Amino acid sequence: MTVVKRNSIVCAEFNGNEYEFHEDGWFNATAAAKRHGKEPSDWLALPSTKDYIAALDEESNAGKSGIWFRTKRGQGGGTWMHPELAVEFARWLDARFAVWCNRQIRALLAGEHPHFGRIRSRHAAAASNKYLRSMIERVREADGKDTKAHHFINECTLVNFIVSGEYVGLDRDAMPMQVLDFLAEAEGYNAMLYARGKSREDRIKMLAKFRRTWIDKHGELPALVLADHPKLEARTIGKGLTAAAKPRKLKAATGTAEAKSPEAALKLCAGYAANAPRVPDVREAAELRRDLS
């Protein structure tokens, strides 16, 4: 039996429960059965199941090779079923669940599942970050200047400010897909402005205008609520770069985080690299936040 690799697993939610699929449509039968209070072995023991598997074997000339099952070892492991077997098994668990399961599998096999869209968005965000990093290095090299970790951090947190309204590190893997798409375009735009020698202040204003234009075209961005324990994302910015703090985990929300006092506004804008060239004052922080609204 083939062992399922974790990095190719797709999680999807049905009626408040999360179910696991493989990118090629295979289905975690053990986990699904447990959520319905059943065991896969009970279904496999049914005469109708044995007849169905025998028919699949006959149609595919598979014999008894066991090609309809895979196993995953360790935590979260279990029996995984081939797409042609999975829907039949799901129907035994619950008819409505089977309909949903069938649609998930069809979307995966057609490459149209939201999972693949998120992968494309994440790759685009990674490429834009690499482009920004390269532009910073080239411009500073042309000016005869060394490039340090905080130069990358400053530019990434500037873009993160345009995205979230705060100068912080963000966990891109936790971002909604629409936010990832915007971040990738904003990062590429910032790289272009940086290469053209635009000042930091000018770039913030131009990026804020870019954000408003993007929203007019694509719709409002999901707001992000930032969890505790911030971490600057230097390790994702360039080889050999490190930072002490970790990226903040974030989740989609219905409202934006607002500073409750001038001191809080200053704190929001001061949460980037310790050796940043300059921290915006309270008045500037308020103005910049208004530019994003």
Protein backbone atom coordinates (compact mmCIF):
# COMPACT_ATOMS: atom_id res chain seq x y z
CA MET A 1 0.00 0.00 0.00
CA THR A 2 1.12 3.56 -0.75
CA VAL A 3 1.82 5.88 2.17
CA VAL A 4 -0.01 9.22 1.95
CA LYS A 5 2.22 12.31 2.20
CA ARG A 6 1.01 15.03 4.55
CA ASN A 7 1.93 17.96 2.30
CA SER A 8 -0.55 16.80 -0.37
CA ILE A 9 -3.54 16.55 1.98
CA VAL A 10 -6.55 18.81 1.40
CA CYS A 11 -8.85 19.67 4.29
CA ALA A 12 -12.48 20.63 3.64
CA GLU A 13 -15.35 21.33 6.02
CA PHE A 14 -18.84 19.79 6.03
CA ASN A 15 -21.40 20.60 8.75
CA GLY A 16 -18.73 21.91 11.08
CA ASN A 17 -16.43 18.91 10.71
CA GLU A 18 -13.15 18.80 8.78
CA TYR A 19 -12.52 15.97 6.33
CA GLU A 20 -9.31 15.02 4.59
CA PHE A 21 -8.76 14.36 0.89
CA HIS A 22 -5.64 13.82 -1.16
CA GLU A 23 -4.94 16.14 -4.08
CA ASP A 24 -5.69 13.26 -6.47
CA GLY A 25 -9.12 12.65 -4.93
CA TRP A 26 -8.35 9.96 -2.36
CA PHE A 27 -10.36 10.16 0.85
CA ASN A 28 -9.56 9.52 4.55
CA ALA A 29 -12.20 6.91 5.32
CA THR A 30 -11.06 6.20 8.89
CA ALA A 31 -11.43 9.82 10.04
CA ALA A 32 -14.76 10.26 8.24
CA ALA A 33 -16.23 7.07 9.69
CA LYS A 34 -15.19 8.10 13.20
CA ARG A 35 -17.10 11.38 12.88
CA HIS A 36 -20.20 9.38 11.97
CA GLY A 37 -19.72 6.82 14.75
CA LYS A 38 -18.85 4.00 12.36
CA GLU A 39 -15.90 1.83 11.33
CA PRO A 40 -14.65 1.23 7.74
CA SER A 41 -14.25 -2.46 8.53
CA ASP A 42 -18.03 -2.76 8.99
CA TRP A 43 -18.65 -1.38 5.51
CA LEU A 44 -15.92 -3.53 3.97
CA ALA A 45 -17.54 -6.62 5.47
CA LEU A 46 -20.86 -6.00 3.69
CA PRO A 47 -21.62 -8.40 0.78
CA SER A 48 -22.61 -5.40 -1.39
CA THR A 49 -19.23 -3.79 -0.73
CA LYS A 50 -17.38 -6.96 -1.65
CA ASP A 51 -19.37 -7.20 -4.88
CA TYR A 52 -18.63 -3.57 -5.73
CA ILE A 53 -14.88 -3.96 -5.16
CA ALA A 54 -14.89 -7.18 -7.20
CA ALA A 55 -16.57 -5.29 -10.06
CA LEU A 56 -13.93 -2.54 -9.84
CA ASP A 57 -11.19 -5.17 -9.90
CA GLU A 58 -12.76 -6.79 -12.96
CA GLU A 59 -13.19 -3.51 -14.85
CA SER A 60 -9.64 -2.37 -14.16
CA ASN A 61 -7.96 -5.80 -14.43
CA ALA A 62 -6.59 -5.13 -10.95
CA GLY A 63 -7.13 -8.61 -9.54
CA LYS A 64 -6.60 -8.47 -5.78
CA SER A 65 -3.75 -6.00 -5.78
CA GLY A 66 -5.35 -3.68 -3.22
CA ILE A 67 -5.05 -0.62 -5.42
CA TRP A 68 -8.25 0.83 -3.95
CA PHE A 69 -6.71 1.50 -0.53
CA ARG A 70 -3.80 3.47 0.92
CA THR A 71 -2.56 3.84 4.48
CA LYS A 72 -1.12 6.76 6.42
CA ARG A 73 0.88 5.99 9.52
CA GLY A 74 1.19 7.99 12.72
CA GLN A 75 -1.01 10.70 14.16
CA GLY A 76 -4.08 11.36 12.03
CA GLY A 77 -3.42 8.21 10.00
CA GLY A 78 -5.84 5.60 8.76
CA THR A 79 -7.27 4.00 5.65
CA TRP A 80 -7.61 6.11 2.52
CA MET A 81 -9.93 5.09 -0.31
CA HIS A 82 -9.71 5.54 -4.07
CA PRO A 83 -12.18 8.13 -5.50
CA GLU A 84 -14.23 5.37 -7.14
CA LEU A 85 -14.64 3.73 -3.74
CA ALA A 86 -14.89 6.83 -1.58
CA VAL A 87 -18.33 8.02 -2.71
CA GLU A 88 -19.85 4.58 -2.18
CA PHE A 89 -18.40 4.54 1.31
CA ALA A 90 -19.60 8.10 1.99
CA ARG A 91 -23.14 7.11 0.92
CA TRP A 92 -23.07 4.41 3.64
CA LEU A 93 -22.18 7.10 6.19
CA ASP A 94 -24.75 9.71 5.12
CA ALA A 95 -26.51 10.53 1.84
CA ARG A 96 -26.00 14.31 2.04
CA PHE A 97 -22.39 13.83 3.03
CA ALA A 98 -21.95 11.60 -0.02
CA VAL A 99 -23.25 14.33 -2.34
CA TRP A 100 -20.79 16.83 -0.83
CA CYS A 101 -17.97 14.30 -0.93
CA ASN A 102 -18.60 13.57 -4.60
CA ARG A 103 -18.41 17.27 -5.45
CA GLN A 104 -15.15 17.66 -3.53
CA ILE A 105 -13.57 14.74 -5.37
CA ARG A 106 -14.76 15.91 -8.79
CA ALA A 107 -13.32 19.39 -8.15
CA LEU A 108 -9.99 17.91 -7.05
CA LEU A 109 -9.72 15.64 -10.08
CA ALA A 110 -10.57 18.55 -12.40
CA GLY A 111 -8.03 20.84 -10.72
CA GLU A 112 -10.83 23.28 -9.84
CA HIS A 113 -10.89 22.86 -6.06
CA PRO A 114 -10.26 26.05 -4.01
CA HIS A 115 -7.21 24.26 -2.61
CA PHE A 116 -5.39 24.68 -5.92
CA GLY A 117 -6.34 28.35 -6.15
CA ARG A 118 -4.79 28.93 -2.74
CA ILE A 119 -1.60 27.14 -3.80
CA ARG A 120 -1.35 29.43 -6.82
CA SER A 121 -1.92 32.50 -4.65
CA ARG A 122 0.68 31.36 -2.13
CA HIS A 123 3.21 30.77 -4.91
CA ALA A 124 2.50 34.23 -6.32
CA ALA A 125 3.07 35.78 -2.88
CA ALA A 126 6.35 33.86 -2.51
CA ALA A 127 7.48 35.02 -5.97
CA SER A 128 6.64 38.66 -5.21
CA ASN A 129 8.58 38.46 -1.95
CA LYS A 130 11.58 37.05 -3.80
CA TYR A 131 11.32 39.81 -6.40
CA LEU A 132 11.20 42.49 -3.70
CA ARG A 133 14.21 40.98 -1.94
CA SER A 134 16.16 40.88 -5.21
CA MET A 135 15.26 44.51 -6.01
CA ILE A 136 16.42 45.71 -2.58
CA GLU A 137 19.76 43.93 -2.98
CA ARG A 138 20.33 45.22 -6.50
CA VAL A 139 19.46 48.83 -5.75
CA ARG A 140 21.62 48.95 -2.64
CA GLU A 141 24.48 47.21 -4.44
CA ALA A 142 24.28 49.77 -7.26
CA ASP A 143 24.50 52.51 -4.60
CA GLY A 144 27.55 50.84 -3.05
CA LYS A 145 25.67 49.88 0.12
CA ASP A 146 25.51 46.63 2.06
CA THR A 147 22.14 44.95 2.58
CA LYS A 148 21.24 43.84 6.10
CA ALA A 149 18.36 41.83 7.54
CA HIS A 150 16.48 44.91 8.71
CA HIS A 151 16.34 46.30 5.15
CA PHE A 152 14.26 43.27 4.10
CA ILE A 153 12.20 43.37 7.29
CA ASN A 154 11.39 47.08 6.89
CA GLU A 155 10.05 46.60 3.36
CA CYS A 156 8.03 43.50 4.24
CA THR A 157 6.46 45.16 7.27
CA LEU A 158 5.68 48.22 5.16
CA VAL A 159 3.66 46.01 2.80
CA ASN A 160 2.14 44.23 5.80
CA PHE A 161 1.01 47.64 7.07
CA ILE A 162 -0.77 48.26 3.76
CA VAL A 163 -2.42 44.83 4.13
CA SER A 164 -3.34 44.85 7.83
CA GLY A 165 -2.97 48.41 9.11
CA GLU A 166 -0.12 47.45 11.42
CA TYR A 167 3.67 47.24 11.15
CA VAL A 168 3.97 43.56 12.06
CA GLY A 169 5.06 40.24 10.65
CA LEU A 170 2.19 38.19 9.16
CA ASP A 171 1.72 34.47 8.72
CA ARG A 172 1.06 34.20 4.98
CA ASP A 173 0.02 30.56 5.23
CA ALA A 174 -2.95 31.64 7.37
CA MET A 175 -4.12 34.46 5.08
CA PRO A 176 -7.41 34.28 3.16
CA MET A 177 -6.76 33.78 -0.55
CA GLN A 178 -8.04 37.25 -1.51
CA VAL A 179 -5.61 38.88 0.94
CA LEU A 180 -2.76 36.79 -0.48
CA ASP A 181 -3.61 37.96 -3.99
CA PHE A 182 -3.56 41.59 -2.90
CA LEU A 183 -0.32 41.16 -0.93
CA ALA A 184 1.46 39.68 -3.96
CA GLU A 185 0.45 42.61 -6.17
CA ALA A 186 1.25 45.21 -3.48
CA GLU A 187 4.67 43.67 -2.89
CA GLY A 188 5.47 43.73 -6.59
CA TYR A 189 4.32 47.34 -6.83
CA ASN A 190 6.46 48.30 -3.84
CA ALA A 191 9.49 46.65 -5.46
CA MET A 192 8.94 48.77 -8.57
CA LEU A 193 8.61 51.96 -6.52
CA TYR A 194 11.71 51.08 -4.53
CA ALA A 195 13.70 50.57 -7.74
CA ARG A 196 12.56 53.97 -8.98
CA GLY A 197 13.99 55.62 -5.87
CA LYS A 198 10.71 56.66 -4.29
CA SER A 199 11.00 57.63 -0.62
CA ARG A 200 9.40 55.52 2.09
CA GLU A 201 6.80 58.21 2.76
CA ASP A 202 5.90 58.47 -0.94
CA ARG A 203 5.69 54.71 -1.27
CA ILE A 204 3.29 54.44 1.68
CA LYS A 205 0.98 57.04 0.11
CA MET A 206 1.17 55.39 -3.32
CA LEU A 207 0.58 51.93 -1.86
CA ALA A 208 -2.42 53.22 0.10
CA LYS A 209 -3.84 54.60 -3.16
CA PHE A 210 -3.05 51.27 -4.85
CA ARG A 211 -5.00 49.47 -2.12
CA ARG A 212 -8.09 51.64 -2.65
CA THR A 213 -7.92 51.08 -6.42
CA TRP A 214 -7.50 47.34 -5.94
CA ILE A 215 -10.52 47.18 -3.62
CA ASP A 216 -12.66 49.16 -6.08
CA LYS A 217 -11.83 46.55 -8.72
CA HIS A 218 -11.80 43.31 -6.69
CA GLY A 219 -13.95 44.02 -3.64
CA GLU A 220 -13.25 44.69 0.04
CA LEU A 221 -10.47 42.70 1.66
CA PRO A 222 -11.34 40.39 4.57
CA ALA A 223 -10.16 42.08 7.76
CA LEU A 224 -7.42 40.35 9.75
CA VAL A 225 -7.35 39.90 13.51
CA LEU A 226 -3.77 39.58 14.72
CA ALA A 227 -3.09 37.08 17.49
CA ASP A 228 -0.54 37.55 20.24
CA HIS A 229 3.19 36.82 20.08
CA PRO A 230 4.36 38.71 16.97
CA LYS A 231 7.25 37.49 14.91
CA LEU A 232 9.08 39.31 12.13
CA GLU A 233 9.32 37.11 9.09
CA ALA A 234 12.99 37.53 8.20
CA ARG A 235 13.45 33.80 7.80
CA THR A 236 11.01 33.88 4.88
CA ILE A 237 12.70 36.87 3.29
CA GLY A 238 16.22 35.73 2.55
CA LYS A 239 18.77 33.00 3.13
CA GLY A 240 20.79 33.31 6.29
CA LEU A 241 18.52 35.97 7.81
CA THR A 242 17.06 35.46 11.27
CA ALA A 243 14.81 37.36 13.62
CA ALA A 244 13.90 36.78 17.24
CA ALA A 245 10.16 37.19 17.06
CA LYS A 246 7.64 34.91 15.16
CA PRO A 247 4.95 35.87 12.53
CA ARG A 248 1.61 36.59 14.02
CA LYS A 249 -1.07 34.04 13.36
CA LEU A 250 -4.16 35.67 11.89
CA LYS A 251 -7.71 34.84 10.93
CA ALA A 252 -10.44 36.41 8.84
CA ALA A 253 -12.80 38.72 10.73
CA THR A 254 -15.65 41.09 10.08
CA GLY A 255 -14.00 44.23 11.45
CA THR A 256 -10.63 45.91 11.53
CA ALA A 257 -8.42 46.36 14.58
CA GLU A 258 -8.45 49.97 15.78
CA ALA A 259 -6.04 51.69 18.16
CA LYS A 260 -7.83 52.77 21.35
CA SER A 261 -5.38 55.53 22.25
CA PRO A 262 -2.55 57.60 20.72
CA GLU A 263 -0.10 55.41 22.62
CA ALA A 264 -1.68 52.30 21.12
CA ALA A 265 -1.49 53.80 17.62
CA LEU A 266 2.19 54.46 18.11
CA LYS A 267 2.70 50.91 19.35
CA LEU A 268 0.97 49.51 16.27
CA CYS A 269 3.32 51.37 13.97
CA ALA A 270 6.43 50.64 16.04
CA GLY A 271 6.23 46.85 15.95
CA TYR A 272 8.83 46.24 13.28
CA ALA A 273 12.61 45.75 13.26
CA ALA A 274 14.39 47.23 16.27
CA ASN A 275 16.93 48.90 14.03
CA ALA A 276 14.42 50.43 11.62
CA PRO A 277 15.54 53.86 10.41
CA ARG A 278 12.61 55.74 11.96
CA VAL A 279 9.37 55.02 13.83
CA PRO A 280 6.35 57.07 12.72
CA ASP A 281 5.08 59.44 15.42
CA VAL A 282 1.49 59.43 16.68
CA ARG A 283 0.27 62.03 14.20
CA GLU A 284 1.83 60.18 11.25
CA ALA A 285 0.40 56.88 12.48
CA ALA A 286 -3.11 58.34 12.53
CA GLU A 287 -2.66 59.84 9.06
CA LEU A 288 -1.35 56.59 7.61
CA ARG A 289 -4.24 54.61 9.08
CA ARG A 290 -6.70 57.11 7.56
CA ASP A 291 -5.00 56.66 4.17
CA LEU A 292 -5.86 52.96 4.32
CA SER A 293 -9.55 53.50 5.10
